[in-house]
Amino acid sequence: MRSNNDSTAVEIKVHPSARVHPARSSPAGRPPPPPGDIVFGGWVPWLVHLFVVANIVVFVAVMYVNDCPKNSGSSCLGKFLGRFSFQPMKENPLLGPSANTLDKMGALDVEKVVHDHQGWRLVSCIWLHAGVFHLLANMFSLLFIGIRLEQEFGFIRIGLVYLLSGFGGSLFSALFIRTRISVGASGALFGLLGAMLSELITNWTIYANKARRIPLNRL
């Protein structure tokens, strides 16, 4: 028998609120990133720019040492540049120094590397260029590929890829170019290009806008 003092049970249902916690909400005025896109941090690339400046400074130093008016007389190109003028077109069509000057400044010469034990040429040749056209082509390629990679991976990784690829390119050249000297940063650039393609292929499925990730569409 139930007493009159028994109270009726009351069932209370609490509905979950749809309100987002302030700590989890996006900052005011800043829309959330689109799904599938990777947002890079605020890293400002500086190593790639330093490499470009270093290559230009080395080229200017090589032209100063070359001193075409003293060694080639009146047949130099760009005589108004004085000792920085270029070798005759028939000798160097890339607008640059003579082969002897490049050899003196550290070009890759297999005979000297093997017989004279000048292994440092495997590294020094990376910073030398045969002429203005050669320099411009490599530096534009370095900026085009390297800036994005440094923003994404940082200067340590990109610096290691650049230097190790350049050294590997020198070894590859030493195997196949035995009768001529070799200069240029092509090996280092191919290493950066390979790193870019590797990253693109590995992360292809996570990009929402795949066409934008291909640098060729920026040309």
N, C-alpha and C. Protein backbone atom coordinates (compact mmCIF):
# COMPACT_ATOMS: atom_id res chain seq x y z
N MET A 1 0.86 -1.20 0.00
CA MET A 1 0.00 0.00 0.00
C MET A 1 0.87 1.23 0.00
N ARG A 2 0.67 2.15 -0.96
CA ARG A 2 1.50 3.35 -1.08
C ARG A 2 0.92 4.45 -0.22
N SER A 3 1.79 5.20 0.45
CA SER A 3 1.34 6.31 1.28
C SER A 3 1.06 7.53 0.44
N ASN A 4 0.32 8.46 1.09
CA ASN A 4 -0.01 9.68 0.36
C ASN A 4 1.17 10.61 0.21
N ASN A 5 2.24 10.35 1.00
CA ASN A 5 3.41 11.24 0.94
C ASN A 5 4.34 10.95 -0.22
N ASP A 6 4.06 9.82 -0.91
CA ASP A 6 4.93 9.49 -2.06
C ASP A 6 4.75 10.53 -3.15
N SER A 7 5.88 11.06 -3.61
CA SER A 7 5.83 12.09 -4.68
C SER A 7 5.97 11.43 -6.04
N THR A 8 5.45 12.09 -7.00
CA THR A 8 5.54 11.58 -8.37
C THR A 8 6.93 11.84 -8.94
N ALA A 9 7.56 10.83 -9.52
CA ALA A 9 8.92 10.99 -10.09
C ALA A 9 8.86 11.87 -11.32
N VAL A 10 9.80 12.76 -11.42
CA VAL A 10 9.87 13.69 -12.56
C VAL A 10 11.11 13.36 -13.37
N GLU A 11 10.96 13.12 -14.64
CA GLU A 11 12.08 12.79 -15.54
C GLU A 11 12.52 14.05 -16.27
N ILE A 12 13.79 14.39 -16.14
CA ILE A 12 14.34 15.60 -16.78
C ILE A 12 15.32 15.17 -17.85
N LYS A 13 15.10 15.62 -19.05
CA LYS A 13 15.98 15.32 -20.18
C LYS A 13 16.78 16.56 -20.55
N VAL A 14 18.10 16.41 -20.62
CA VAL A 14 18.99 17.52 -20.98
C VAL A 14 19.48 17.29 -22.39
N HIS A 15 19.15 18.19 -23.29
CA HIS A 15 19.58 18.06 -24.68
C HIS A 15 20.96 18.68 -24.86
N PRO A 16 21.87 18.00 -25.55
CA PRO A 16 23.22 18.57 -25.77
C PRO A 16 23.15 19.85 -26.59
N SER A 17 23.94 20.81 -26.16
CA SER A 17 23.96 22.09 -26.87
C SER A 17 24.82 22.00 -28.11
N ALA A 18 24.41 22.68 -29.15
CA ALA A 18 25.16 22.71 -30.41
C ALA A 18 26.22 23.79 -30.42
N ARG A 19 26.35 24.48 -29.29
CA ARG A 19 27.31 25.58 -29.22
C ARG A 19 28.73 25.03 -29.18
N VAL A 20 29.63 25.62 -29.95
CA VAL A 20 31.03 25.20 -30.02
C VAL A 20 31.81 25.87 -28.92
N HIS A 21 32.67 25.09 -28.30
CA HIS A 21 33.51 25.65 -27.24
C HIS A 21 34.37 26.77 -27.81
N PRO A 22 34.50 27.91 -27.07
CA PRO A 22 35.29 29.04 -27.61
C PRO A 22 36.71 28.67 -27.96
N ALA A 23 37.31 27.75 -27.21
CA ALA A 23 38.70 27.39 -27.48
C ALA A 23 38.85 26.62 -28.76
N ARG A 24 37.75 25.99 -29.23
CA ARG A 24 37.83 25.18 -30.43
C ARG A 24 37.34 25.91 -31.67
N SER A 25 36.81 27.06 -31.49
CA SER A 25 36.29 27.81 -32.63
C SER A 25 37.42 28.51 -33.36
N SER A 26 37.19 28.84 -34.61
CA SER A 26 38.19 29.54 -35.41
C SER A 26 38.28 30.98 -34.96
N PRO A 27 39.46 31.59 -35.07
CA PRO A 27 39.58 33.00 -34.71
C PRO A 27 38.64 33.85 -35.55
N ALA A 28 38.18 34.93 -34.91
CA ALA A 28 37.23 35.80 -35.61
C ALA A 28 37.85 36.39 -36.86
N GLY A 29 37.08 36.35 -37.93
CA GLY A 29 37.55 36.95 -39.17
C GLY A 29 38.47 36.07 -39.98
N ARG A 30 38.81 34.86 -39.49
CA ARG A 30 39.72 33.97 -40.21
C ARG A 30 38.99 32.67 -40.54
N PRO A 31 38.63 32.46 -41.78
CA PRO A 31 37.90 31.24 -42.13
C PRO A 31 38.79 30.03 -41.99
N PRO A 32 38.21 28.88 -41.65
CA PRO A 32 39.02 27.66 -41.52
C PRO A 32 39.56 27.25 -42.86
N PRO A 33 40.73 26.57 -42.88
CA PRO A 33 41.31 26.14 -44.15
C PRO A 33 40.43 25.12 -44.82
N PRO A 34 40.39 25.12 -46.15
CA PRO A 34 39.57 24.14 -46.86
C PRO A 34 40.08 22.74 -46.60
N PRO A 35 39.20 21.76 -46.51
CA PRO A 35 39.64 20.38 -46.24
C PRO A 35 40.52 19.85 -47.34
N GLY A 36 41.57 19.13 -46.92
CA GLY A 36 42.45 18.51 -47.90
C GLY A 36 43.64 19.33 -48.27
N ASP A 37 43.64 20.64 -47.94
CA ASP A 37 44.78 21.48 -48.27
C ASP A 37 45.72 21.54 -47.09
N ILE A 38 47.00 21.63 -47.38
CA ILE A 38 48.01 21.77 -46.34
C ILE A 38 48.39 23.24 -46.24
N VAL A 39 48.30 23.78 -45.05
CA VAL A 39 48.61 25.19 -44.84
C VAL A 39 50.01 25.28 -44.27
N PHE A 40 50.92 25.94 -44.98
CA PHE A 40 52.29 26.07 -44.53
C PHE A 40 52.37 27.12 -43.43
N GLY A 41 53.38 26.98 -42.60
CA GLY A 41 53.57 27.93 -41.52
C GLY A 41 54.14 29.25 -42.02
N GLY A 42 54.49 30.11 -41.07
CA GLY A 42 54.97 31.42 -41.44
C GLY A 42 56.47 31.46 -41.68
N TRP A 43 57.06 30.34 -42.08
CA TRP A 43 58.50 30.27 -42.30
C TRP A 43 58.89 31.13 -43.50
N VAL A 44 59.86 31.98 -43.29
CA VAL A 44 60.36 32.83 -44.36
C VAL A 44 61.64 32.21 -44.91
N PRO A 45 61.65 31.77 -46.16
CA PRO A 45 62.84 31.12 -46.72
C PRO A 45 63.99 32.10 -46.87
N TRP A 46 65.16 31.69 -46.44
CA TRP A 46 66.35 32.54 -46.58
C TRP A 46 67.53 31.77 -47.17
N LEU A 47 67.58 30.45 -46.97
CA LEU A 47 68.73 29.70 -47.44
C LEU A 47 68.81 29.67 -48.96
N VAL A 48 67.67 29.51 -49.62
CA VAL A 48 67.66 29.50 -51.09
C VAL A 48 68.16 30.84 -51.63
N HIS A 49 67.71 31.93 -51.02
CA HIS A 49 68.19 33.25 -51.45
C HIS A 49 69.69 33.39 -51.20
N LEU A 50 70.16 32.82 -50.08
CA LEU A 50 71.60 32.87 -49.79
C LEU A 50 72.39 32.10 -50.83
N PHE A 51 71.88 30.94 -51.26
CA PHE A 51 72.53 30.17 -52.31
C PHE A 51 72.61 30.97 -53.61
N VAL A 52 71.54 31.67 -53.94
CA VAL A 52 71.53 32.48 -55.17
C VAL A 52 72.58 33.58 -55.08
N VAL A 53 72.61 34.28 -53.96
CA VAL A 53 73.60 35.36 -53.78
C VAL A 53 75.02 34.80 -53.84
N ALA A 54 75.25 33.65 -53.21
CA ALA A 54 76.59 33.04 -53.22
C ALA A 54 77.02 32.69 -54.64
N ASN A 55 76.12 32.13 -55.44
CA ASN A 55 76.47 31.79 -56.82
C ASN A 55 76.78 33.02 -57.65
N ILE A 56 76.03 34.09 -57.44
CA ILE A 56 76.29 35.33 -58.18
C ILE A 56 77.62 35.93 -57.77
N VAL A 57 77.90 35.95 -56.47
CA VAL A 57 79.18 36.51 -55.99
C VAL A 57 80.35 35.71 -56.54
N VAL A 58 80.23 34.39 -56.55
CA VAL A 58 81.31 33.56 -57.09
C VAL A 58 81.51 33.83 -58.57
N PHE A 59 80.42 34.01 -59.31
CA PHE A 59 80.55 34.28 -60.75
C PHE A 59 81.25 35.62 -60.99
N VAL A 60 80.90 36.62 -60.20
CA VAL A 60 81.56 37.92 -60.33
C VAL A 60 83.05 37.79 -60.01
N ALA A 61 83.39 37.03 -58.98
CA ALA A 61 84.79 36.82 -58.63
C ALA A 61 85.54 36.10 -59.74
N VAL A 62 84.89 35.13 -60.36
CA VAL A 62 85.53 34.40 -61.47
C VAL A 62 85.78 35.34 -62.64
N MET A 63 84.82 36.20 -62.94
CA MET A 63 85.01 37.15 -64.05
C MET A 63 86.12 38.15 -63.73
N TYR A 64 86.26 38.50 -62.47
CA TYR A 64 87.35 39.41 -62.08
C TYR A 64 88.70 38.73 -62.29
N VAL A 65 88.80 37.48 -61.90
CA VAL A 65 90.05 36.74 -62.09
C VAL A 65 90.31 36.49 -63.57
N ASN A 66 89.26 36.30 -64.34
CA ASN A 66 89.41 36.00 -65.77
C ASN A 66 90.13 37.13 -66.51
N ASP A 67 89.70 38.38 -66.27
CA ASP A 67 90.35 39.56 -66.86
C ASP A 67 90.57 39.38 -68.37
N CYS A 68 89.48 39.31 -69.11
CA CYS A 68 89.55 39.05 -70.55
C CYS A 68 90.42 40.04 -71.32
N PRO A 69 90.34 41.36 -71.06
CA PRO A 69 91.18 42.29 -71.83
C PRO A 69 92.67 42.00 -71.71
N LYS A 70 93.09 41.49 -70.58
CA LYS A 70 94.50 41.21 -70.38
C LYS A 70 94.93 39.93 -71.10
N ASN A 71 94.02 38.95 -71.16
CA ASN A 71 94.38 37.64 -71.71
C ASN A 71 93.95 37.43 -73.15
N SER A 72 92.90 38.12 -73.58
CA SER A 72 92.39 37.91 -74.94
C SER A 72 92.43 39.14 -75.81
N GLY A 73 92.89 40.25 -75.29
CA GLY A 73 93.04 41.44 -76.11
C GLY A 73 91.72 42.10 -76.45
N SER A 74 91.60 42.55 -77.69
CA SER A 74 90.46 43.36 -78.13
C SER A 74 89.26 42.53 -78.59
N SER A 75 89.34 41.24 -78.52
CA SER A 75 88.25 40.39 -79.02
C SER A 75 87.21 40.08 -77.95
N CYS A 76 87.31 40.70 -76.79
CA CYS A 76 86.36 40.43 -75.71
C CYS A 76 85.00 41.02 -76.02
N LEU A 77 83.96 40.44 -75.43
CA LEU A 77 82.61 40.97 -75.55
C LEU A 77 82.29 41.83 -74.34
N GLY A 78 81.59 42.95 -74.59
CA GLY A 78 81.26 43.85 -73.50
C GLY A 78 82.48 44.56 -72.96
N LYS A 79 83.21 45.21 -73.84
CA LYS A 79 84.46 45.85 -73.43
C LYS A 79 84.25 46.93 -72.38
N PHE A 80 83.03 47.52 -72.35
CA PHE A 80 82.75 48.58 -71.38
C PHE A 80 82.78 48.05 -69.94
N LEU A 81 82.74 46.73 -69.79
CA LEU A 81 82.79 46.13 -68.46
C LEU A 81 84.21 46.00 -67.93
N GLY A 82 85.19 46.37 -68.74
CA GLY A 82 86.57 46.30 -68.30
C GLY A 82 87.03 44.87 -68.10
N ARG A 83 87.65 44.59 -66.96
CA ARG A 83 88.16 43.25 -66.72
C ARG A 83 87.04 42.24 -66.48
N PHE A 84 85.81 42.71 -66.34
CA PHE A 84 84.67 41.81 -66.20
C PHE A 84 84.04 41.44 -67.54
N SER A 85 84.63 41.89 -68.64
CA SER A 85 84.09 41.57 -69.96
C SER A 85 84.21 40.08 -70.24
N PHE A 86 83.43 39.62 -71.23
CA PHE A 86 83.32 38.19 -71.51
C PHE A 86 84.29 37.74 -72.59
N GLN A 87 84.56 36.46 -72.55
CA GLN A 87 85.40 35.86 -73.58
C GLN A 87 84.72 35.95 -74.95
N PRO A 88 85.47 35.87 -76.04
CA PRO A 88 84.87 35.91 -77.38
C PRO A 88 83.79 34.83 -77.54
N MET A 89 82.79 35.14 -78.36
CA MET A 89 81.66 34.24 -78.52
C MET A 89 82.08 32.86 -79.03
N LYS A 90 83.09 32.82 -79.89
CA LYS A 90 83.54 31.54 -80.42
C LYS A 90 84.20 30.68 -79.35
N GLU A 91 84.69 31.32 -78.29
CA GLU A 91 85.33 30.59 -77.20
C GLU A 91 84.34 30.19 -76.12
N ASN A 92 83.41 31.09 -75.80
CA ASN A 92 82.40 30.80 -74.78
C ASN A 92 81.09 31.48 -75.18
N PRO A 93 80.19 30.77 -75.84
CA PRO A 93 78.92 31.37 -76.28
C PRO A 93 77.95 31.66 -75.15
N LEU A 94 78.26 31.26 -73.94
CA LEU A 94 77.37 31.49 -72.80
C LEU A 94 77.65 32.80 -72.08
N LEU A 95 78.54 33.62 -72.63
CA LEU A 95 78.94 34.90 -72.02
C LEU A 95 79.56 34.67 -70.65
N GLY A 96 80.77 34.16 -70.66
CA GLY A 96 81.43 33.87 -69.41
C GLY A 96 82.94 33.87 -69.54
N PRO A 97 83.63 33.27 -68.58
CA PRO A 97 85.09 33.25 -68.57
C PRO A 97 85.65 32.16 -69.47
N SER A 98 86.96 32.08 -69.48
CA SER A 98 87.62 31.04 -70.27
C SER A 98 87.63 29.73 -69.49
N ALA A 99 87.88 28.65 -70.21
CA ALA A 99 87.96 27.34 -69.57
C ALA A 99 89.15 27.27 -68.61
N ASN A 100 90.24 27.96 -68.95
CA ASN A 100 91.41 27.96 -68.07
C ASN A 100 91.09 28.62 -66.73
N THR A 101 90.31 29.71 -66.78
CA THR A 101 89.94 30.39 -65.54
C THR A 101 89.04 29.50 -64.68
N LEU A 102 88.08 28.85 -65.31
CA LEU A 102 87.20 27.95 -64.56
C LEU A 102 87.99 26.81 -63.93
N ASP A 103 88.96 26.30 -64.66
CA ASP A 103 89.80 25.23 -64.13
C ASP A 103 90.61 25.73 -62.94
N LYS A 104 91.10 26.95 -63.05
CA LYS A 104 91.89 27.53 -61.97
C LYS A 104 91.04 27.76 -60.71
N MET A 105 89.77 28.10 -60.92
CA MET A 105 88.89 28.44 -59.80
C MET A 105 88.20 27.23 -59.17
N GLY A 106 88.43 26.03 -59.73
CA GLY A 106 87.89 24.84 -59.08
C GLY A 106 86.90 24.03 -59.87
N ALA A 107 86.93 24.12 -61.20
CA ALA A 107 86.04 23.30 -62.01
C ALA A 107 86.38 21.82 -61.83
N LEU A 108 85.41 20.97 -62.13
CA LEU A 108 85.62 19.53 -61.99
C LEU A 108 86.48 19.02 -63.13
N ASP A 109 87.69 18.61 -62.79
CA ASP A 109 88.64 18.05 -63.74
C ASP A 109 89.01 16.66 -63.21
N VAL A 110 88.55 15.64 -63.91
CA VAL A 110 88.72 14.27 -63.42
C VAL A 110 90.19 13.92 -63.24
N GLU A 111 91.03 14.36 -64.17
CA GLU A 111 92.45 14.03 -64.07
C GLU A 111 93.06 14.59 -62.79
N LYS A 112 92.69 15.81 -62.43
CA LYS A 112 93.24 16.42 -61.22
C LYS A 112 92.63 15.82 -59.96
N VAL A 113 91.38 15.40 -60.04
CA VAL A 113 90.76 14.76 -58.89
C VAL A 113 91.41 13.41 -58.60
N VAL A 114 91.68 12.65 -59.66
CA VAL A 114 92.20 11.29 -59.50
C VAL A 114 93.70 11.29 -59.25
N HIS A 115 94.43 11.99 -60.10
CA HIS A 115 95.90 11.90 -60.04
C HIS A 115 96.52 12.92 -59.09
N ASP A 116 95.91 14.08 -58.95
CA ASP A 116 96.46 15.10 -58.06
C ASP A 116 95.74 15.16 -56.72
N HIS A 117 94.78 14.26 -56.52
CA HIS A 117 94.06 14.15 -55.25
C HIS A 117 93.37 15.46 -54.86
N GLN A 118 92.80 16.14 -55.84
CA GLN A 118 92.08 17.39 -55.58
C GLN A 118 90.57 17.09 -55.48
N GLY A 119 90.22 16.34 -54.45
CA GLY A 119 88.83 15.97 -54.27
C GLY A 119 87.91 17.13 -53.98
N TRP A 120 88.46 18.26 -53.51
CA TRP A 120 87.63 19.42 -53.23
C TRP A 120 86.92 19.96 -54.46
N ARG A 121 87.42 19.59 -55.64
CA ARG A 121 86.77 20.05 -56.88
C ARG A 121 85.36 19.45 -57.04
N LEU A 122 85.09 18.34 -56.39
CA LEU A 122 83.76 17.75 -56.44
C LEU A 122 82.72 18.65 -55.78
N VAL A 123 83.16 19.54 -54.91
CA VAL A 123 82.26 20.48 -54.23
C VAL A 123 82.35 21.87 -54.83
N SER A 124 83.57 22.32 -55.13
CA SER A 124 83.74 23.68 -55.64
C SER A 124 83.08 23.90 -57.00
N CYS A 125 83.01 22.86 -57.81
CA CYS A 125 82.43 23.02 -59.15
C CYS A 125 80.94 23.33 -59.09
N ILE A 126 80.29 23.00 -57.96
CA ILE A 126 78.85 23.27 -57.83
C ILE A 126 78.57 24.76 -57.86
N TRP A 127 79.51 25.57 -57.40
CA TRP A 127 79.29 27.01 -57.26
C TRP A 127 79.79 27.80 -58.46
N LEU A 128 80.31 27.12 -59.45
CA LEU A 128 80.83 27.78 -60.65
C LEU A 128 79.84 27.64 -61.80
N HIS A 129 79.85 28.64 -62.70
CA HIS A 129 78.98 28.60 -63.88
C HIS A 129 79.77 29.06 -65.10
N ALA A 130 79.40 28.48 -66.24
CA ALA A 130 80.16 28.73 -67.46
C ALA A 130 79.88 30.09 -68.06
N GLY A 131 78.76 30.72 -67.71
CA GLY A 131 78.44 32.02 -68.29
C GLY A 131 77.17 32.59 -67.71
N VAL A 132 76.80 33.77 -68.21
CA VAL A 132 75.61 34.46 -67.72
C VAL A 132 74.35 33.64 -67.97
N PHE A 133 74.22 33.10 -69.18
CA PHE A 133 73.04 32.31 -69.51
C PHE A 133 72.93 31.07 -68.61
N HIS A 134 74.06 30.44 -68.39
CA HIS A 134 74.09 29.27 -67.51
C HIS A 134 73.68 29.64 -66.10
N LEU A 135 74.20 30.76 -65.61
CA LEU A 135 73.90 31.22 -64.26
C LEU A 135 72.42 31.57 -64.10
N LEU A 136 71.88 32.32 -65.06
CA LEU A 136 70.48 32.74 -64.96
C LEU A 136 69.54 31.54 -64.99
N ALA A 137 69.81 30.60 -65.87
CA ALA A 137 68.94 29.42 -65.96
C ALA A 137 68.92 28.64 -64.65
N ASN A 138 70.09 28.46 -64.05
CA ASN A 138 70.15 27.70 -62.80
C ASN A 138 69.55 28.46 -61.63
N MET A 139 69.77 29.78 -61.56
CA MET A 139 69.26 30.54 -60.43
C MET A 139 67.75 30.69 -60.47
N PHE A 140 67.18 30.90 -61.65
CA PHE A 140 65.73 30.96 -61.76
C PHE A 140 65.11 29.61 -61.38
N SER A 141 65.75 28.53 -61.79
CA SER A 141 65.26 27.20 -61.43
C SER A 141 65.35 26.97 -59.92
N LEU A 142 66.44 27.44 -59.32
CA LEU A 142 66.62 27.29 -57.88
C LEU A 142 65.54 28.05 -57.11
N LEU A 143 65.25 29.27 -57.53
CA LEU A 143 64.21 30.05 -56.87
C LEU A 143 62.84 29.42 -57.08
N PHE A 144 62.59 28.97 -58.29
CA PHE A 144 61.28 28.41 -58.64
C PHE A 144 60.97 27.14 -57.84
N ILE A 145 61.98 26.30 -57.65
CA ILE A 145 61.77 25.03 -56.95
C ILE A 145 62.07 25.15 -55.46
N GLY A 146 63.16 25.85 -55.14
CA GLY A 146 63.67 25.80 -53.77
C GLY A 146 62.86 26.56 -52.75
N ILE A 147 62.25 27.70 -53.13
CA ILE A 147 61.53 28.51 -52.15
C ILE A 147 60.37 27.73 -51.55
N ARG A 148 59.58 27.10 -52.39
CA ARG A 148 58.43 26.33 -51.89
C ARG A 148 58.89 25.18 -51.00
N LEU A 149 59.98 24.50 -51.39
CA LEU A 149 60.46 23.38 -50.59
C LEU A 149 60.98 23.84 -49.24
N GLU A 150 61.68 24.98 -49.22
CA GLU A 150 62.19 25.47 -47.94
C GLU A 150 61.05 25.92 -47.03
N GLN A 151 60.00 26.51 -47.60
CA GLN A 151 58.84 26.88 -46.79
C GLN A 151 58.18 25.66 -46.16
N GLU A 152 58.21 24.55 -46.87
CA GLU A 152 57.51 23.36 -46.40
C GLU A 152 58.36 22.50 -45.47
N PHE A 153 59.66 22.37 -45.77
CA PHE A 153 60.51 21.43 -45.04
C PHE A 153 61.58 22.09 -44.19
N GLY A 154 61.81 23.39 -44.33
CA GLY A 154 62.82 24.06 -43.55
C GLY A 154 64.18 24.08 -44.23
N PHE A 155 65.07 24.93 -43.71
CA PHE A 155 66.35 25.15 -44.39
C PHE A 155 67.33 24.00 -44.19
N ILE A 156 67.23 23.26 -43.09
CA ILE A 156 68.20 22.18 -42.84
C ILE A 156 68.05 21.07 -43.87
N ARG A 157 66.84 20.60 -44.05
CA ARG A 157 66.61 19.51 -44.99
C ARG A 157 66.92 19.93 -46.42
N ILE A 158 66.47 21.12 -46.79
CA ILE A 158 66.69 21.57 -48.16
C ILE A 158 68.17 21.83 -48.40
N GLY A 159 68.87 22.37 -47.40
CA GLY A 159 70.30 22.57 -47.55
C GLY A 159 71.05 21.27 -47.74
N LEU A 160 70.67 20.25 -46.97
CA LEU A 160 71.31 18.93 -47.12
C LEU A 160 71.01 18.32 -48.48
N VAL A 161 69.76 18.43 -48.92
CA VAL A 161 69.40 17.88 -50.24
C VAL A 161 70.19 18.59 -51.34
N TYR A 162 70.32 19.89 -51.24
CA TYR A 162 71.03 20.66 -52.26
C TYR A 162 72.50 20.27 -52.32
N LEU A 163 73.16 20.23 -51.17
CA LEU A 163 74.60 19.95 -51.15
C LEU A 163 74.90 18.50 -51.50
N LEU A 164 74.14 17.57 -50.94
CA LEU A 164 74.39 16.16 -51.24
C LEU A 164 74.07 15.82 -52.69
N SER A 165 73.02 16.43 -53.23
CA SER A 165 72.69 16.20 -54.64
C SER A 165 73.75 16.80 -55.56
N GLY A 166 74.26 17.97 -55.18
CA GLY A 166 75.33 18.57 -55.97
C GLY A 166 76.58 17.72 -55.97
N PHE A 167 76.92 17.17 -54.79
CA PHE A 167 78.08 16.28 -54.70
C PHE A 167 77.85 15.01 -55.52
N GLY A 168 76.65 14.46 -55.42
CA GLY A 168 76.34 13.27 -56.22
C GLY A 168 76.38 13.55 -57.71
N GLY A 169 75.91 14.73 -58.10
CA GLY A 169 75.98 15.11 -59.51
C GLY A 169 77.42 15.23 -59.99
N SER A 170 78.30 15.72 -59.12
CA SER A 170 79.72 15.82 -59.49
C SER A 170 80.32 14.43 -59.69
N LEU A 171 79.98 13.50 -58.81
CA LEU A 171 80.47 12.13 -58.98
C LEU A 171 79.96 11.52 -60.27
N PHE A 172 78.71 11.78 -60.59
CA PHE A 172 78.13 11.25 -61.82
C PHE A 172 78.84 11.84 -63.04
N SER A 173 79.11 13.15 -63.00
CA SER A 173 79.83 13.79 -64.10
C SER A 173 81.24 13.24 -64.24
N ALA A 174 81.88 12.96 -63.10
CA ALA A 174 83.25 12.44 -63.15
C ALA A 174 83.31 11.07 -63.81
N LEU A 175 82.22 10.33 -63.76
CA LEU A 175 82.20 9.00 -64.38
C LEU A 175 82.07 9.07 -65.90
N PHE A 176 81.41 10.10 -66.40
CA PHE A 176 81.10 10.14 -67.83
C PHE A 176 81.76 11.28 -68.59
N ILE A 177 82.23 12.31 -67.89
CA ILE A 177 82.89 13.43 -68.56
C ILE A 177 84.34 13.45 -68.09
N ARG A 178 85.20 12.80 -68.86
CA ARG A 178 86.60 12.65 -68.45
C ARG A 178 87.55 13.53 -69.24
N THR A 179 87.12 14.02 -70.38
CA THR A 179 88.03 14.79 -71.23
C THR A 179 87.81 16.28 -71.13
N ARG A 180 86.74 16.73 -70.47
CA ARG A 180 86.45 18.16 -70.36
C ARG A 180 86.16 18.50 -68.91
N ILE A 181 86.27 19.79 -68.59
CA ILE A 181 85.92 20.24 -67.25
C ILE A 181 84.41 20.38 -67.14
N SER A 182 83.93 20.37 -65.91
CA SER A 182 82.49 20.44 -65.67
C SER A 182 82.22 21.42 -64.54
N VAL A 183 81.21 22.29 -64.73
CA VAL A 183 80.80 23.25 -63.71
C VAL A 183 79.28 23.32 -63.69
N GLY A 184 78.73 23.87 -62.59
CA GLY A 184 77.30 24.11 -62.53
C GLY A 184 76.61 23.41 -61.39
N ALA A 185 75.41 23.90 -61.07
CA ALA A 185 74.61 23.37 -59.97
C ALA A 185 73.48 22.48 -60.46
N SER A 186 73.63 21.91 -61.64
CA SER A 186 72.55 21.10 -62.21
C SER A 186 72.23 19.89 -61.34
N GLY A 187 73.26 19.24 -60.79
CA GLY A 187 73.02 18.08 -59.93
C GLY A 187 72.22 18.45 -58.69
N ALA A 188 72.56 19.60 -58.08
CA ALA A 188 71.82 20.05 -56.91
C ALA A 188 70.38 20.38 -57.26
N LEU A 189 70.17 20.99 -58.42
CA LEU A 189 68.81 21.34 -58.84
C LEU A 189 67.97 20.10 -59.13
N PHE A 190 68.58 19.10 -59.75
CA PHE A 190 67.84 17.86 -60.00
C PHE A 190 67.48 17.17 -58.68
N GLY A 191 68.34 17.32 -57.67
CA GLY A 191 68.01 16.76 -56.36
C GLY A 191 66.79 17.44 -55.75
N LEU A 192 66.72 18.77 -55.85
CA LEU A 192 65.55 19.50 -55.35
C LEU A 192 64.30 19.14 -56.14
N LEU A 193 64.46 19.01 -57.45
CA LEU A 193 63.32 18.63 -58.28
C LEU A 193 62.81 17.24 -57.91
N GLY A 194 63.74 16.32 -57.66
CA GLY A 194 63.34 14.99 -57.24
C GLY A 194 62.63 15.00 -55.89
N ALA A 195 63.10 15.86 -54.96
CA ALA A 195 62.44 15.97 -53.66
C ALA A 195 61.03 16.52 -53.82
N MET A 196 60.86 17.50 -54.70
CA MET A 196 59.54 18.08 -54.92
C MET A 196 58.58 17.05 -55.52
N LEU A 197 59.04 16.30 -56.51
CA LEU A 197 58.18 15.30 -57.13
C LEU A 197 57.86 14.17 -56.16
N SER A 198 58.83 13.80 -55.33
CA SER A 198 58.60 12.75 -54.34
C SER A 198 57.53 13.16 -53.34
N GLU A 199 57.62 14.41 -52.87
CA GLU A 199 56.62 14.90 -51.92
C GLU A 199 55.25 14.98 -52.57
N LEU A 200 55.21 15.39 -53.83
CA LEU A 200 53.94 15.52 -54.54
C LEU A 200 53.27 14.17 -54.74
N ILE A 201 54.05 13.17 -55.12
CA ILE A 201 53.49 11.83 -55.35
C ILE A 201 53.06 11.19 -54.03
N THR A 202 53.88 11.35 -52.99
CA THR A 202 53.57 10.73 -51.70
C THR A 202 52.28 11.28 -51.11
N ASN A 203 52.08 12.60 -51.21
CA ASN A 203 50.92 13.24 -50.59
C ASN A 203 49.82 13.59 -51.59
N TRP A 204 49.82 12.92 -52.73
CA TRP A 204 48.89 13.28 -53.80
C TRP A 204 47.43 13.15 -53.35
N THR A 205 47.12 12.16 -52.55
CA THR A 205 45.72 11.90 -52.20
C THR A 205 45.17 12.89 -51.18
N ILE A 206 46.02 13.63 -50.47
CA ILE A 206 45.52 14.53 -49.43
C ILE A 206 45.29 15.94 -49.93
N TYR A 207 45.65 16.21 -51.19
CA TYR A 207 45.46 17.54 -51.73
C TYR A 207 44.08 17.65 -52.35
N ALA A 208 43.33 18.67 -51.96
CA ALA A 208 42.02 18.89 -52.55
C ALA A 208 42.15 19.49 -53.94
N ASN A 209 43.06 20.45 -54.08
CA ASN A 209 43.28 21.10 -55.37
C ASN A 209 44.61 20.60 -55.92
N LYS A 210 44.56 19.49 -56.61
CA LYS A 210 45.79 18.83 -57.07
C LYS A 210 46.51 19.64 -58.14
N ALA A 211 45.76 20.32 -59.01
CA ALA A 211 46.40 21.07 -60.09
C ALA A 211 47.25 22.20 -59.55
N ARG A 212 46.84 22.77 -58.42
CA ARG A 212 47.59 23.88 -57.86
C ARG A 212 48.93 23.44 -57.29
N ARG A 213 49.06 22.17 -56.95
CA ARG A 213 50.30 21.68 -56.37
C ARG A 213 51.38 21.43 -57.40
N ILE A 214 51.02 21.44 -58.68
CA ILE A 214 52.00 21.21 -59.74
C ILE A 214 52.60 22.56 -60.11
N PRO A 215 53.90 22.79 -59.86
CA PRO A 215 54.50 24.11 -60.10
C PRO A 215 54.47 24.53 -61.55
N LEU A 216 54.34 23.59 -62.49
CA LEU A 216 54.40 23.96 -63.89
C LEU A 216 53.25 24.86 -64.29
N ASN A 217 52.13 24.83 -63.54
CA ASN A 217 51.02 25.67 -63.92
C ASN A 217 51.21 27.12 -63.50
N ARG A 218 52.35 27.41 -62.85
CA ARG A 218 52.64 28.80 -62.46
C ARG A 218 53.49 29.52 -63.49
N LEU A 219 53.94 28.80 -64.50
CA LEU A 219 54.79 29.42 -65.50
C LEU A 219 53.99 30.36 -66.38
